[in-house]
Amino acid sequence: AAFKSHVNLILPGPPGTYADPGGLLEGDGQTGKHLK
């Protein structure tokens, strides 16, 4: 997804699907995370 000032990479899945030790993924939804 592209917005005015940033791009999101949207990754579907329940919490814990993607290893993210750096805490880069955002979103607290039950259906996925995104990288801004």
PDB file of all heavy atoms in Angstrom:
ATOM      1  N   ALA A   1       0.853  -1.192   0.000  1.00  0.00           N
ATOM      2  CA  ALA A   1       0.000   0.000   0.000  1.00  0.00           C
ATOM      3  C   ALA A   1       0.884   1.237   0.000  1.00  0.00           C
ATOM      4  O   ALA A   1       1.850   1.305   0.759  1.00  0.00           O
ATOM      5  CB  ALA A   1      -0.900  -0.002   1.227  1.00  0.00           C
ATOM      6  N   ALA A   2       0.555   2.199  -0.842  1.00  0.00           N
ATOM      7  CA  ALA A   2       1.315   3.445  -0.911  1.00  0.00           C
ATOM      8  C   ALA A   2       0.428   4.598  -0.460  1.00  0.00           C
ATOM      9  O   ALA A   2      -0.723   4.710  -0.876  1.00  0.00           O
ATOM     10  CB  ALA A   2       1.819   3.686  -2.324  1.00  0.00           C
ATOM     11  N   PHE A   3       0.983   5.438   0.400  1.00  0.00           N
ATOM     12  CA  PHE A   3       0.290   6.614   0.909  1.00  0.00           C
ATOM     13  C   PHE A   3       1.089   7.855   0.514  1.00  0.00           C
ATOM     14  O   PHE A   3       2.044   7.747  -0.243  1.00  0.00           O
ATOM     15  CB  PHE A   3       0.116   6.498   2.426  1.00  0.00           C
ATOM     16  CG  PHE A   3      -0.679   5.280   2.823  1.00  0.00           C
ATOM     17  CD1 PHE A   3      -0.040   4.095   3.141  1.00  0.00           C
ATOM     18  CD2 PHE A   3      -2.064   5.307   2.837  1.00  0.00           C
ATOM     19  CE1 PHE A   3      -0.768   2.961   3.487  1.00  0.00           C
ATOM     20  CE2 PHE A   3      -2.803   4.181   3.175  1.00  0.00           C
ATOM     21  CZ  PHE A   3      -2.151   3.014   3.497  1.00  0.00           C
ATOM     22  N   LYS A   4       0.740   9.011   1.016  1.00  0.00           N
ATOM     23  CA  LYS A   4       1.435  10.237   0.624  1.00  0.00           C
ATOM     24  C   LYS A   4       2.904  10.235   1.032  1.00  0.00           C
ATOM     25  O   LYS A   4       3.759  10.665   0.285  1.00  0.00           O
ATOM     26  CB  LYS A   4       0.749  11.459   1.236  1.00  0.00           C
ATOM     27  CG  LYS A   4      -0.545  11.813   0.586  1.00  0.00           C
ATOM     28  CD  LYS A   4      -1.118  13.072   1.187  1.00  0.00           C
ATOM     29  CE  LYS A   4      -2.449  13.421   0.543  1.00  0.00           C
ATOM     30  NZ  LYS A   4      -3.019  14.641   1.097  1.00  0.00           N
ATOM     31  N   SER A   5       3.179   9.765   2.245  1.00  0.00           N
ATOM     32  CA  SER A   5       4.545   9.873   2.748  1.00  0.00           C
ATOM     33  C   SER A   5       5.207   8.546   3.079  1.00  0.00           C
ATOM     34  O   SER A   5       6.341   8.524   3.520  1.00  0.00           O
ATOM     35  CB  SER A   5       4.564  10.755   3.997  1.00  0.00           C
ATOM     36  OG  SER A   5       3.796  10.148   5.017  1.00  0.00           O
ATOM     37  N   HIS A   6       4.501   7.426   2.891  1.00  0.00           N
ATOM     38  CA  HIS A   6       5.117   6.136   3.211  1.00  0.00           C
ATOM     39  C   HIS A   6       4.471   4.998   2.426  1.00  0.00           C
ATOM     40  O   HIS A   6       3.443   5.172   1.783  1.00  0.00           O
ATOM     41  CB  HIS A   6       5.029   5.856   4.714  1.00  0.00           C
ATOM     42  CG  HIS A   6       3.651   5.589   5.205  1.00  0.00           C
ATOM     43  ND1 HIS A   6       2.744   6.584   5.477  1.00  0.00           N
ATOM     44  CD2 HIS A   6       3.001   4.424   5.454  1.00  0.00           C
ATOM     45  CE1 HIS A   6       1.609   6.056   5.893  1.00  0.00           C
ATOM     46  NE2 HIS A   6       1.729   4.732   5.885  1.00  0.00           N
ATOM     47  N   VAL A   7       5.116   3.849   2.529  1.00  0.00           N
ATOM     48  CA  VAL A   7       4.642   2.623   1.889  1.00  0.00           C
ATOM     49  C   VAL A   7       4.494   1.578   2.986  1.00  0.00           C
ATOM     50  O   VAL A   7       5.320   1.496   3.896  1.00  0.00           O
ATOM     51  CB  VAL A   7       5.655   2.128   0.832  1.00  0.00           C
ATOM     52  CG1 VAL A   7       5.275   0.763   0.294  1.00  0.00           C
ATOM     53  CG2 VAL A   7       5.782   3.132  -0.291  1.00  0.00           C
ATOM     54  N   ASN A   8       3.431   0.778   2.917  1.00  0.00           N
ATOM     55  CA  ASN A   8       3.239  -0.325   3.856  1.00  0.00           C
ATOM     56  C   ASN A   8       3.369  -1.642   3.121  1.00  0.00           C
ATOM     57  O   ASN A   8       2.764  -1.831   2.062  1.00  0.00           O
ATOM     58  CB  ASN A   8       1.855  -0.284   4.507  1.00  0.00           C
ATOM     59  CG  ASN A   8       1.763   0.691   5.655  1.00  0.00           C
ATOM     60  OD1 ASN A   8       2.757   1.258   6.080  1.00  0.00           O
ATOM     61  ND2 ASN A   8       0.573   0.884   6.156  1.00  0.00           N
ATOM     62  N   LEU A   9       4.131  -2.559   3.708  1.00  0.00           N
ATOM     63  CA  LEU A   9       4.135  -3.942   3.283  1.00  0.00           C
ATOM     64  C   LEU A   9       3.216  -4.653   4.261  1.00  0.00           C
ATOM     65  O   LEU A   9       3.488  -4.684   5.461  1.00  0.00           O
ATOM     66  CB  LEU A   9       5.547  -4.546   3.331  1.00  0.00           C
ATOM     67  CG  LEU A   9       5.616  -6.059   3.085  1.00  0.00           C
ATOM     68  CD1 LEU A   9       5.129  -6.409   1.679  1.00  0.00           C
ATOM     69  CD2 LEU A   9       7.013  -6.577   3.320  1.00  0.00           C
ATOM     70  N   ILE A  10       2.119  -5.189   3.766  1.00  0.00           N
ATOM     71  CA  ILE A  10       1.099  -5.803   4.618  1.00  0.00           C
ATOM     72  C   ILE A  10       1.280  -7.320   4.583  1.00  0.00           C
ATOM     73  O   ILE A  10       1.290  -7.926   3.505  1.00  0.00           O
ATOM     74  CB  ILE A  10      -0.309  -5.408   4.145  1.00  0.00           C
ATOM     75  CG1 ILE A  10      -0.437  -3.880   4.164  1.00  0.00           C
ATOM     76  CG2 ILE A  10      -1.379  -6.073   4.996  1.00  0.00           C
ATOM     77  CD1 ILE A  10      -1.628  -3.344   3.402  1.00  0.00           C
ATOM     78  N   LEU A  11       1.424  -7.893   5.771  1.00  0.00           N
ATOM     79  CA  LEU A  11       1.645  -9.334   5.907  1.00  0.00           C
ATOM     80  C   LEU A  11       0.493  -9.937   6.710  1.00  0.00           C
ATOM     81  O   LEU A  11       0.300  -9.562   7.865  1.00  0.00           O
ATOM     82  CB  LEU A  11       2.974  -9.589   6.616  1.00  0.00           C
ATOM     83  CG  LEU A  11       4.197  -8.993   5.924  1.00  0.00           C
ATOM     84  CD1 LEU A  11       5.372  -8.954   6.868  1.00  0.00           C
ATOM     85  CD2 LEU A  11       4.529  -9.803   4.674  1.00  0.00           C
ATOM     86  N   PRO A  12      -0.263 -10.868   6.117  1.00  0.00           N
ATOM     87  CA  PRO A  12      -1.402 -11.438   6.832  1.00  0.00           C
ATOM     88  C   PRO A  12      -0.976 -12.549   7.796  1.00  0.00           C
ATOM     89  O   PRO A  12       0.046 -13.191   7.603  1.00  0.00           O
ATOM     90  CB  PRO A  12      -2.258 -12.017   5.711  1.00  0.00           C
ATOM     91  CG  PRO A  12      -1.262 -12.416   4.678  1.00  0.00           C
ATOM     92  CD  PRO A  12      -0.169 -11.392   4.760  1.00  0.00           C
ATOM     93  N   GLY A  13      -1.771 -12.740   8.819  1.00  0.00           N
ATOM     94  CA  GLY A  13      -1.537 -13.844   9.740  1.00  0.00           C
ATOM     95  C   GLY A  13      -1.830 -13.456  11.166  1.00  0.00           C
ATOM     96  O   GLY A  13      -1.788 -12.276  11.526  1.00  0.00           O
ATOM     97  N   PRO A  14      -2.088 -14.445  12.001  1.00  0.00           N
ATOM     98  CA  PRO A  14      -2.367 -14.177  13.416  1.00  0.00           C
ATOM     99  C   PRO A  14      -1.100 -13.719  14.138  1.00  0.00           C
ATOM    100  O   PRO A  14       0.009 -13.867  13.614  1.00  0.00           O
ATOM    101  CB  PRO A  14      -2.861 -15.527  13.945  1.00  0.00           C
ATOM    102  CG  PRO A  14      -2.277 -16.535  13.016  1.00  0.00           C
ATOM    103  CD  PRO A  14      -2.174 -15.873  11.681  1.00  0.00           C
ATOM    104  N   PRO A  15      -1.244 -13.165  15.334  1.00  0.00           N
ATOM    105  CA  PRO A  15      -0.075 -12.729  16.091  1.00  0.00           C
ATOM    106  C   PRO A  15       0.930 -13.878  16.251  1.00  0.00           C
ATOM    107  O   PRO A  15       0.549 -15.032  16.433  1.00  0.00           O
ATOM    108  CB  PRO A  15      -0.655 -12.317  17.448  1.00  0.00           C
ATOM    109  CG  PRO A  15      -2.072 -11.974  17.152  1.00  0.00           C
ATOM    110  CD  PRO A  15      -2.496 -12.894  16.051  1.00  0.00           C
ATOM    111  N   GLY A  16       2.204 -13.554  16.143  1.00  0.00           N
ATOM    112  CA  GLY A  16       3.264 -14.544  16.288  1.00  0.00           C
ATOM    113  C   GLY A  16       3.649 -15.248  15.001  1.00  0.00           C
ATOM    114  O   GLY A  16       4.537 -16.093  15.007  1.00  0.00           O
ATOM    115  N   THR A  17       3.027 -14.900  13.882  1.00  0.00           N
ATOM    116  CA  THR A  17       3.339 -15.556  12.607  1.00  0.00           C
ATOM    117  C   THR A  17       4.730 -15.178  12.120  1.00  0.00           C
ATOM    118  O   THR A  17       5.446 -16.014  11.580  1.00  0.00           O
ATOM    119  CB  THR A  17       2.302 -15.173  11.533  1.00  0.00           C
ATOM    120  OG1 THR A  17       1.009 -15.557  11.993  1.00  0.00           O
ATOM    121  CG2 THR A  17       2.581 -15.841  10.209  1.00  0.00           C
ATOM    122  N   TYR A  18       5.121 -13.944  12.323  1.00  0.00           N
ATOM    123  CA  TYR A  18       6.392 -13.439  11.793  1.00  0.00           C
ATOM    124  C   TYR A  18       7.365 -13.134  12.926  1.00  0.00           C
ATOM    125  O   TYR A  18       7.028 -12.398  13.855  1.00  0.00           O
ATOM    126  CB  TYR A  18       6.150 -12.179  10.948  1.00  0.00           C
ATOM    127  CG  TYR A  18       5.172 -12.441   9.839  1.00  0.00           C
ATOM    128  CD1 TYR A  18       3.833 -12.091   9.973  1.00  0.00           C
ATOM    129  CD2 TYR A  18       5.566 -13.073   8.675  1.00  0.00           C
ATOM    130  CE1 TYR A  18       2.918 -12.355   8.974  1.00  0.00           C
ATOM    131  CE2 TYR A  18       4.666 -13.348   7.668  1.00  0.00           C
ATOM    132  CZ  TYR A  18       3.339 -12.983   7.819  1.00  0.00           C
ATOM    133  OH  TYR A  18       2.440 -13.257   6.827  1.00  0.00           O
ATOM    134  N   ALA A  19       8.576 -13.681  12.810  1.00  0.00           N
ATOM    135  CA  ALA A  19       9.622 -13.394  13.800  1.00  0.00           C
ATOM    136  C   ALA A  19      10.056 -11.948  13.612  1.00  0.00           C
ATOM    137  O   ALA A  19      10.441 -11.545  12.507  1.00  0.00           O
ATOM    138  CB  ALA A  19      10.795 -14.346  13.599  1.00  0.00           C
ATOM    139  N   ASP A  20       9.978 -11.177  14.669  1.00  0.00           N
ATOM    140  CA  ASP A  20      10.297  -9.743  14.589  1.00  0.00           C
ATOM    141  C   ASP A  20      11.046  -9.298  15.842  1.00  0.00           C
ATOM    142  O   ASP A  20      10.523  -8.538  16.656  1.00  0.00           O
ATOM    143  CB  ASP A  20       9.002  -8.943  14.418  1.00  0.00           C
ATOM    144  CG  ASP A  20       9.244  -7.460  14.206  1.00  0.00           C
ATOM    145  OD1 ASP A  20      10.348  -7.078  13.787  1.00  0.00           O
ATOM    146  OD2 ASP A  20       8.307  -6.687  14.470  1.00  0.00           O
ATOM    147  N   PRO A  21      12.308  -9.758  16.001  1.00  0.00           N
ATOM    148  CA  PRO A  21      13.042  -9.385  17.217  1.00  0.00           C
ATOM    149  C   PRO A  21      13.326  -7.885  17.306  1.00  0.00           C
ATOM    150  O   PRO A  21      13.462  -7.340  18.396  1.00  0.00           O
ATOM    151  CB  PRO A  21      14.330 -10.199  17.129  1.00  0.00           C
ATOM    152  CG  PRO A  21      14.464 -10.593  15.704  1.00  0.00           C
ATOM    153  CD  PRO A  21      13.079 -10.626  15.132  1.00  0.00           C
ATOM    154  N   GLY A  22      13.405  -7.225  16.169  1.00  0.00           N
ATOM    155  CA  GLY A  22      13.675  -5.786  16.170  1.00  0.00           C
ATOM    156  C   GLY A  22      12.442  -4.938  16.401  1.00  0.00           C
ATOM    157  O   GLY A  22      12.531  -3.717  16.536  1.00  0.00           O
ATOM    158  N   GLY A  23      11.266  -5.547  16.429  1.00  0.00           N
ATOM    159  CA  GLY A  23      10.029  -4.797  16.650  1.00  0.00           C
ATOM    160  C   GLY A  23       9.688  -3.837  15.524  1.00  0.00           C
ATOM    161  O   GLY A  23       9.113  -2.779  15.757  1.00  0.00           O
ATOM    162  N   LEU A  24      10.027  -4.208  14.283  1.00  0.00           N
ATOM    163  CA  LEU A  24       9.782  -3.328  13.139  1.00  0.00           C
ATOM    164  C   LEU A  24       8.350  -3.393  12.616  1.00  0.00           C
ATOM    165  O   LEU A  24       7.856  -2.440  12.031  1.00  0.00           O
ATOM    166  CB  LEU A  24      10.745  -3.678  12.000  1.00  0.00           C
ATOM    167  CG  LEU A  24      12.235  -3.535  12.327  1.00  0.00           C
ATOM    168  CD1 LEU A  24      13.077  -4.074  11.183  1.00  0.00           C
ATOM    169  CD2 LEU A  24      12.577  -2.090  12.617  1.00  0.00           C
ATOM    170  N   LEU A  25       7.704  -4.532  12.822  1.00  0.00           N
ATOM    171  CA  LEU A  25       6.332  -4.678  12.328  1.00  0.00           C
ATOM    172  C   LEU A  25       5.359  -3.949  13.242  1.00  0.00           C
ATOM    173  O   LEU A  25       5.494  -3.984  14.461  1.00  0.00           O
ATOM    174  CB  LEU A  25       5.952  -6.159  12.237  1.00  0.00           C
ATOM    175  CG  LEU A  25       6.695  -6.952  11.171  1.00  0.00           C
ATOM    176  CD1 LEU A  25       6.321  -8.417  11.248  1.00  0.00           C
ATOM    177  CD2 LEU A  25       6.411  -6.401   9.788  1.00  0.00           C
ATOM    178  N   GLU A  26       4.388  -3.296  12.629  1.00  0.00           N
ATOM    179  CA  GLU A  26       3.398  -2.524  13.374  1.00  0.00           C
ATOM    180  C   GLU A  26       2.029  -3.169  13.232  1.00  0.00           C
ATOM    181  O   GLU A  26       1.796  -3.958  12.331  1.00  0.00           O
ATOM    182  CB  GLU A  26       3.326  -1.091  12.831  1.00  0.00           C
ATOM    183  CG  GLU A  26       4.605  -0.311  12.986  1.00  0.00           C
ATOM    184  CD  GLU A  26       4.484   1.097  12.427  1.00  0.00           C
ATOM    185  OE1 GLU A  26       3.362   1.635  12.343  1.00  0.00           O
ATOM    186  OE2 GLU A  26       5.527   1.666  12.073  1.00  0.00           O
ATOM    187  N   GLY A  27       1.143  -2.763  14.121  1.00  0.00           N
ATOM    188  CA  GLY A  27      -0.232  -3.236  14.076  1.00  0.00           C
ATOM    189  C   GLY A  27      -0.490  -4.220  15.193  1.00  0.00           C
ATOM    190  O   GLY A  27       0.348  -5.055  15.507  1.00  0.00           O
ATOM    191  N   ASP A  28      -1.661  -4.089  15.784  1.00  0.00           N
ATOM    192  CA  ASP A  28      -2.013  -4.983  16.878  1.00  0.00           C
ATOM    193  C   ASP A  28      -3.237  -5.818  16.537  1.00  0.00           C
ATOM    194  O   ASP A  28      -3.847  -6.422  17.399  1.00  0.00           O
ATOM    195  CB  ASP A  28      -2.248  -4.203  18.166  1.00  0.00           C
ATOM    196  CG  ASP A  28      -3.280  -3.105  17.997  1.00  0.00           C
ATOM    197  OD1 ASP A  28      -3.783  -2.934  16.878  1.00  0.00           O
ATOM    198  OD2 ASP A  28      -3.583  -2.413  18.979  1.00  0.00           O
ATOM    199  N   GLY A  29      -3.567  -5.865  15.253  1.00  0.00           N
ATOM    200  CA  GLY A  29      -4.735  -6.613  14.829  1.00  0.00           C
ATOM    201  C   GLY A  29      -4.512  -8.107  14.887  1.00  0.00           C
ATOM    202  O   GLY A  29      -3.391  -8.593  14.976  1.00  0.00           O
ATOM    203  N   GLN A  30      -5.601  -8.835  14.825  1.00  0.00           N
ATOM    204  CA  GLN A  30      -5.539 -10.286  14.867  1.00  0.00           C
ATOM    205  C   GLN A  30      -5.328 -10.892  13.483  1.00  0.00           C
ATOM    206  O   GLN A  30      -5.160 -12.095  13.361  1.00  0.00           O
ATOM    207  CB  GLN A  30      -6.837 -10.830  15.467  1.00  0.00           C
ATOM    208  CG  GLN A  30      -7.067 -10.402  16.898  1.00  0.00           C
ATOM    209  CD  GLN A  30      -6.000 -10.964  17.834  1.00  0.00           C
ATOM    210  OE1 GLN A  30      -5.744 -12.143  17.840  1.00  0.00           O
ATOM    211  NE2 GLN A  30      -5.378 -10.087  18.588  1.00  0.00           N
ATOM    212  N   THR A  31      -5.333 -10.064  12.453  1.00  0.00           N
ATOM    213  CA  THR A  31      -5.257 -10.597  11.100  1.00  0.00           C
ATOM    214  C   THR A  31      -3.950 -10.303  10.378  1.00  0.00           C
ATOM    215  O   THR A  31      -3.788 -10.726   9.245  1.00  0.00           O
ATOM    216  CB  THR A  31      -6.410 -10.060  10.250  1.00  0.00           C
ATOM    217  OG1 THR A  31      -6.333  -8.634  10.222  1.00  0.00           O
ATOM    218  CG2 THR A  31      -7.747 -10.494  10.802  1.00  0.00           C
ATOM    219  N   GLY A  32      -3.032  -9.587  10.976  1.00  0.00           N
ATOM    220  CA  GLY A  32      -1.765  -9.331  10.308  1.00  0.00           C
ATOM    221  C   GLY A  32      -1.011  -8.152  10.874  1.00  0.00           C
ATOM    222  O   GLY A  32      -1.447  -7.489  11.813  1.00  0.00           O
ATOM    223  N   LYS A  33       0.148  -7.925  10.280  1.00  0.00           N
ATOM    224  CA  LYS A  33       1.041  -6.820  10.659  1.00  0.00           C
ATOM    225  C   LYS A  33       1.451  -6.087   9.391  1.00  0.00           C
ATOM    226  O   LYS A  33       1.251  -6.569   8.280  1.00  0.00           O
ATOM    227  CB  LYS A  33       2.303  -7.378  11.337  1.00  0.00           C
ATOM    228  CG  LYS A  33       2.052  -8.153  12.613  1.00  0.00           C
ATOM    229  CD  LYS A  33       1.984  -7.223  13.758  1.00  0.00           C
ATOM    230  CE  LYS A  33       1.933  -7.992  15.068  1.00  0.00           C
ATOM    231  NZ  LYS A  33       1.917  -7.123  16.188  1.00  0.00           N
ATOM    232  N   HIS A  34       2.082  -4.930   9.566  1.00  0.00           N
ATOM    233  CA  HIS A  34       2.598  -4.208   8.408  1.00  0.00           C
ATOM    234  C   HIS A  34       3.921  -3.531   8.756  1.00  0.00           C
ATOM    235  O   HIS A  34       4.193  -3.228   9.917  1.00  0.00           O
ATOM    236  CB  HIS A  34       1.591  -3.188   7.876  1.00  0.00           C
ATOM    237  CG  HIS A  34       1.306  -2.063   8.824  1.00  0.00           C
ATOM    238  ND1 HIS A  34       0.340  -2.141   9.785  1.00  0.00           N
ATOM    239  CD2 HIS A  34       1.877  -0.846   8.963  1.00  0.00           C
ATOM    240  CE1 HIS A  34       0.315  -1.004  10.474  1.00  0.00           C
ATOM    241  NE2 HIS A  34       1.245  -0.209   9.991  1.00  0.00           N
ATOM    242  N   LEU A  35       4.715  -3.326   7.736  1.00  0.00           N
ATOM    243  CA  LEU A  35       5.982  -2.621   7.866  1.00  0.00           C
ATOM    244  C   LEU A  35       5.830  -1.281   7.171  1.00  0.00           C
ATOM    245  O   LEU A  35       5.477  -1.224   5.994  1.00  0.00           O
ATOM    246  CB  LEU A  35       7.110  -3.428   7.204  1.00  0.00           C
ATOM    247  CG  LEU A  35       8.478  -2.746   7.147  1.00  0.00           C
ATOM    248  CD1 LEU A  35       9.059  -2.587   8.556  1.00  0.00           C
ATOM    249  CD2 LEU A  35       9.440  -3.533   6.271  1.00  0.00           C
ATOM    250  N   LYS A  36       6.079  -0.202   7.894  1.00  0.00           N
ATOM    251  CA  LYS A  36       5.957   1.147   7.336  1.00  0.00           C
ATOM    252  C   LYS A  36       7.337   1.619   6.895  1.00  0.00           C
ATOM    253  O   LYS A  36       8.272   1.637   7.693  1.00  0.00           O
ATOM    254  CB  LYS A  36       5.379   2.100   8.384  1.00  0.00           C
ATOM    255  CG  LYS A  36       5.080   3.485   7.846  1.00  0.00           C
ATOM    256  CD  LYS A  36       4.556   4.410   8.918  1.00  0.00           C
ATOM    257  CE  LYS A  36       3.132   4.062   9.257  1.00  0.00           C
ATOM    258  NZ  LYS A  36       2.508   5.049  10.161  1.00  0.00           N
TER     259      LYS A  36
END
